[in-house]
C-alpha atoms as a PDB file:
ATOM      1  CA  UNK A   1       0.000   0.000   0.000  1.00  0.00           C
ATOM      2  CA  UNK A   2       1.413   3.370  -1.004  1.00  0.00           C
ATOM      3  CA  UNK A   3       0.981   6.427   1.179  1.00  0.00           C
ATOM      4  CA  UNK A   4       1.376   9.768  -0.505  1.00  0.00           C
ATOM      5  CA  UNK A   5       1.576  13.121   1.221  1.00  0.00           C
ATOM      6  CA  UNK A   6       1.042  15.993  -1.194  1.00  0.00           C
ATOM      7  CA  UNK A   7       2.869  19.279  -0.742  1.00  0.00           C
ATOM      8  CA  UNK A   8      -0.352  20.932   0.405  1.00  0.00           C
ATOM      9  CA  UNK A   9      -0.280  18.735   3.532  1.00  0.00           C
ATOM     10  CA  UNK A  10      -0.895  21.361   6.230  1.00  0.00           C
ATOM     11  CA  UNK A  11       1.704  19.879   8.593  1.00  0.00           C
ATOM     12  CA  UNK A  12       4.452  20.166   5.998  1.00  0.00           C
ATOM     13  CA  UNK A  13       3.417  23.570   4.677  1.00  0.00           C
ATOM     14  CA  UNK A  14       2.965  25.102   8.122  1.00  0.00           C
ATOM     15  CA  UNK A  15       6.126  23.738   9.677  1.00  0.00           C
ATOM     16  CA  UNK A  16       8.549  23.504   6.745  1.00  0.00           C
ATOM     17  CA  UNK A  17       7.027  25.878   4.233  1.00  0.00           C
ATOM     18  CA  UNK A  18       7.537  23.030   1.757  1.00  0.00           C
ATOM     19  CA  UNK A  19      11.360  23.117   1.930  1.00  0.00           C
ATOM     20  CA  UNK A  20      14.258  21.031   3.186  1.00  0.00           C
ATOM     21  CA  UNK A  21      17.355  23.197   3.537  1.00  0.00           C
ATOM     22  CA  UNK A  22      19.468  21.302   6.090  1.00  0.00           C
ATOM     23  CA  UNK A  23      19.802  18.042   8.005  1.00  0.00           C
ATOM     24  CA  UNK A  24      17.543  19.306  10.804  1.00  0.00           C
ATOM     25  CA  UNK A  25      14.762  20.061   8.273  1.00  0.00           C
ATOM     26  CA  UNK A  26      15.086  16.528   6.864  1.00  0.00           C
ATOM     27  CA  UNK A  27      14.962  14.969  10.314  1.00  0.00           C
ATOM     28  CA  UNK A  28      11.889  17.055  11.214  1.00  0.00           C
ATOM     29  CA  UNK A  29      10.203  16.067   7.953  1.00  0.00           C
ATOM     30  CA  UNK A  30      10.509  12.348   8.661  1.00  0.00           C
ATOM     31  CA  UNK A  31      10.747  11.720  12.420  1.00  0.00           C
ATOM     32  CA  UNK A  32       7.037  11.981  13.213  1.00  0.00           C
ATOM     33  CA  UNK A  33       6.285   9.384  10.531  1.00  0.00           C
ATOM     34  CA  UNK A  34       8.058   6.661  12.535  1.00  0.00           C
ATOM     35  CA  UNK A  35       6.525   7.307  15.960  1.00  0.00           C
ATOM     36  CA  UNK A  36       5.077   4.137  17.420  1.00  0.00           C
ATOM     37  CA  UNK A  37       5.980   1.878  14.490  1.00  0.00           C
ATOM     38  CA  UNK A  38       7.107  -1.639  15.307  1.00  0.00           C
ATOM     39  CA  UNK A  39       7.702  -2.597  11.665  1.00  0.00           C
ATOM     40  CA  UNK A  40      10.240  -1.186   9.236  1.00  0.00           C
ATOM     41  CA  UNK A  41       8.864   1.576   7.066  1.00  0.00           C
ATOM     42  CA  UNK A  42      10.634   3.486   4.312  1.00  0.00           C
ATOM     43  CA  UNK A  43       9.943   6.994   2.998  1.00  0.00           C
ATOM     44  CA  UNK A  44      11.445   8.911   0.130  1.00  0.00           C
ATOM     45  CA  UNK A  45      11.203  12.684  -0.162  1.00  0.00           C
ATOM     46  CA  UNK A  46      11.382  13.967  -3.732  1.00  0.00           C
ATOM     47  CA  UNK A  47      12.794  17.497  -3.867  1.00  0.00           C
ATOM     48  CA  UNK A  48      13.538  20.263  -6.352  1.00  0.00           C
ATOM     49  CA  UNK A  49      17.043  21.716  -6.644  1.00  0.00           C
ATOM     50  CA  UNK A  50      15.953  24.446  -4.210  1.00  0.00           C
ATOM     51  CA  UNK A  51      14.807  21.885  -1.639  1.00  0.00           C
ATOM     52  CA  UNK A  52      11.085  22.313  -2.234  1.00  0.00           C
ATOM     53  CA  UNK A  53       9.136  19.157  -1.418  1.00  0.00           C
ATOM     54  CA  UNK A  54       7.444  17.601  -4.446  1.00  0.00           C
ATOM     55  CA  UNK A  55       6.210  14.476  -2.654  1.00  0.00           C
ATOM     56  CA  UNK A  56       6.895  12.194   0.279  1.00  0.00           C
ATOM     57  CA  UNK A  57       6.054   8.562  -0.412  1.00  0.00           C
ATOM     58  CA  UNK A  58       6.138   5.720   2.086  1.00  0.00           C
ATOM     59  CA  UNK A  59       5.757   1.956   2.030  1.00  0.00           C
ATOM     60  CA  UNK A  60       6.419  -1.055   4.194  1.00  0.00           C
ATOM     61  CA  UNK A  61       9.912  -2.447   3.785  1.00  0.00           C
ATOM     62  CA  UNK A  62       9.992  -5.920   2.324  1.00  0.00           C
ATOM     63  CA  UNK A  63       9.778  -5.389  -1.402  1.00  0.00           C
ATOM     64  CA  UNK A  64      12.594  -4.414  -3.715  1.00  0.00           C
ATOM     65  CA  UNK A  65      13.700  -0.802  -3.182  1.00  0.00           C
ATOM     66  CA  UNK A  66      13.150  -0.157  -6.884  1.00  0.00           C
ATOM     67  CA  UNK A  67       9.405  -0.459  -6.301  1.00  0.00           C
ATOM     68  CA  UNK A  68       9.541   2.603  -4.044  1.00  0.00           C
ATOM     69  CA  UNK A  69      10.883   4.868  -6.750  1.00  0.00           C
ATOM     70  CA  UNK A  70       7.830   6.200  -8.561  1.00  0.00           C
ATOM     71  CA  UNK A  71       8.969   7.248 -12.034  1.00  0.00           C
ATOM     72  CA  UNK A  72       6.539  10.196 -12.065  1.00  0.00           C
ATOM     73  CA  UNK A  73       8.177  11.640  -8.983  1.00  0.00           C
ATOM     74  CA  UNK A  74      11.719  10.863 -10.131  1.00  0.00           C
ATOM     75  CA  UNK A  75      11.239  12.706 -13.414  1.00  0.00           C
ATOM     76  CA  UNK A  76      10.214  15.861 -11.580  1.00  0.00           C
ATOM     77  CA  UNK A  77      12.795  15.582  -8.782  1.00  0.00           C
ATOM     78  CA  UNK A  78      16.320  16.959  -8.676  1.00  0.00           C
ATOM     79  CA  UNK A  79      17.191  15.190  -5.443  1.00  0.00           C
ATOM     80  CA  UNK A  80      15.993  12.553  -2.987  1.00  0.00           C
ATOM     81  CA  UNK A  81      16.217  11.885   0.718  1.00  0.00           C
ATOM     82  CA  UNK A  82      15.650   8.325   1.865  1.00  0.00           C
ATOM     83  CA  UNK A  83      14.531   7.572   5.436  1.00  0.00           C
ATOM     84  CA  UNK A  84      13.605   4.416   7.275  1.00  0.00           C
ATOM     85  CA  UNK A  85      13.345   3.125  10.802  1.00  0.00           C
ATOM     86  CA  UNK A  86      14.949   0.321  12.771  1.00  0.00           C
ATOM     87  CA  UNK A  87      12.372  -1.062  15.220  1.00  0.00           C
ATOM     88  CA  UNK A  88      15.285  -2.758  17.040  1.00  0.00           C
ATOM     89  CA  UNK A  89      16.198   0.633  18.524  1.00  0.00           C
ATOM     90  CA  UNK A  90      19.705   0.759  16.995  1.00  0.00           C
ATOM     91  CA  UNK A  91      20.140   3.398  14.249  1.00  0.00           C
ATOM     92  CA  UNK A  92      23.451   1.922  13.065  1.00  0.00           C
ATOM     93  CA  UNK A  93      23.308   1.232   9.299  1.00  0.00           C
ATOM     94  CA  UNK A  94      23.281  -2.480   8.489  1.00  0.00           C
ATOM     95  CA  UNK A  95      25.249  -4.027   5.645  1.00  0.00           C
ATOM     96  CA  UNK A  96      22.039  -4.126   3.614  1.00  0.00           C
ATOM     97  CA  UNK A  97      21.358  -0.433   4.360  1.00  0.00           C
ATOM     98  CA  UNK A  98      24.861   0.484   3.191  1.00  0.00           C
ATOM     99  CA  UNK A  99      24.688  -1.681   0.068  1.00  0.00           C
ATOM    100  CA  UNK A 100      21.225  -0.488  -0.956  1.00  0.00           C
ATOM    101  CA  UNK A 101      22.170   3.143  -0.407  1.00  0.00           C
ATOM    102  CA  UNK A 102      25.361   2.753  -2.437  1.00  0.00           C
ATOM    103  CA  UNK A 103      23.398   1.252  -5.336  1.00  0.00           C
ATOM    104  CA  UNK A 104      20.641   3.849  -5.124  1.00  0.00           C
ATOM    105  CA  UNK A 105      23.217   6.668  -5.140  1.00  0.00           C
ATOM    106  CA  UNK A 106      24.798   5.207  -8.284  1.00  0.00           C
ATOM    107  CA  UNK A 107      21.492   4.782 -10.107  1.00  0.00           C
ATOM    108  CA  UNK A 108      20.194   8.235  -9.198  1.00  0.00           C
ATOM    109  CA  UNK A 109      23.519   9.840 -10.148  1.00  0.00           C
ATOM    110  CA  UNK A 110      23.283   8.202 -13.582  1.00  0.00           C
ATOM    111  CA  UNK A 111      19.804   9.740 -13.917  1.00  0.00           C
ATOM    112  CA  UNK A 112      21.105  13.185 -12.905  1.00  0.00           C
ATOM    113  CA  UNK A 113      19.392  13.063  -9.514  1.00  0.00           C
ATOM    114  CA  UNK A 114      21.286  13.591  -6.268  1.00  0.00           C
ATOM    115  CA  UNK A 115      20.719  11.334  -3.267  1.00  0.00           C
ATOM    116  CA  UNK A 116      21.173  13.913  -0.505  1.00  0.00           C
ATOM    117  CA  UNK A 117      20.954  11.602   2.478  1.00  0.00           C
ATOM    118  CA  UNK A 118      19.678   8.357   3.949  1.00  0.00           C
ATOM    119  CA  UNK A 119      18.369   8.745   7.481  1.00  0.00           C
ATOM    120  CA  UNK A 120      17.804   5.871   9.901  1.00  0.00           C
ATOM    121  CA  UNK A 121      15.492   6.523  12.841  1.00  0.00           C
ATOM    122  CA  UNK A 122      15.534   4.333  15.962  1.00  0.00           C
ATOM    123  CA  UNK A 123      14.714   4.892  19.616  1.00  0.00           C
ATOM    124  CA  UNK A 124      14.407   8.704  19.259  1.00  0.00           C
ATOM    125  CA  UNK A 125      17.831   8.830  17.539  1.00  0.00           C
ATOM    126  CA  UNK A 126      18.727   9.466  13.921  1.00  0.00           C
ATOM    127  CA  UNK A 127      21.786   8.372  11.928  1.00  0.00           C
ATOM    128  CA  UNK A 128      22.612  10.313   8.744  1.00  0.00           C
ATOM    129  CA  UNK A 129      24.617   8.561   6.013  1.00  0.00           C
ATOM    130  CA  UNK A 130      25.875  11.946   4.828  1.00  0.00           C
ATOM    131  CA  UNK A 131      27.063  12.955   8.310  1.00  0.00           C
ATOM    132  CA  UNK A 132      29.037   9.725   8.815  1.00  0.00           C
ATOM    133  CA  UNK A 133      30.635   9.860   5.366  1.00  0.00           C
ATOM    134  CA  UNK A 134      28.671   7.088   3.650  1.00  0.00           C
ATOM    135  CA  UNK A 135      27.242   9.462   1.030  1.00  0.00           C
END
């Protein structure tokens, strides 16, 4: 099941004015989406070059990551931010997280789209791939 949050979502517009300009904005955009979840969930924010939010799409983890990348959103996006949660409570990136992110960065780069970050939320903590040098 696909969940889509349009840019006219009042929570996003009121709090973020539709933009992601820094790591703190990205964390604020995603963190509330993982509250109380005991299953892994993944979200992708599709952004313009200026950081304006085009769409935020979420799905349950379990399918191939490629299924999360909606071609309609990719074609209108200049950059992406990937976020998911670890119900275990440990935000440390797993081997699979690292491998998937590396592949996604390569594919998006070939398409002229920048993967800005991959955030992992767990136990009220957040790990940023960009901040730890994995992107």
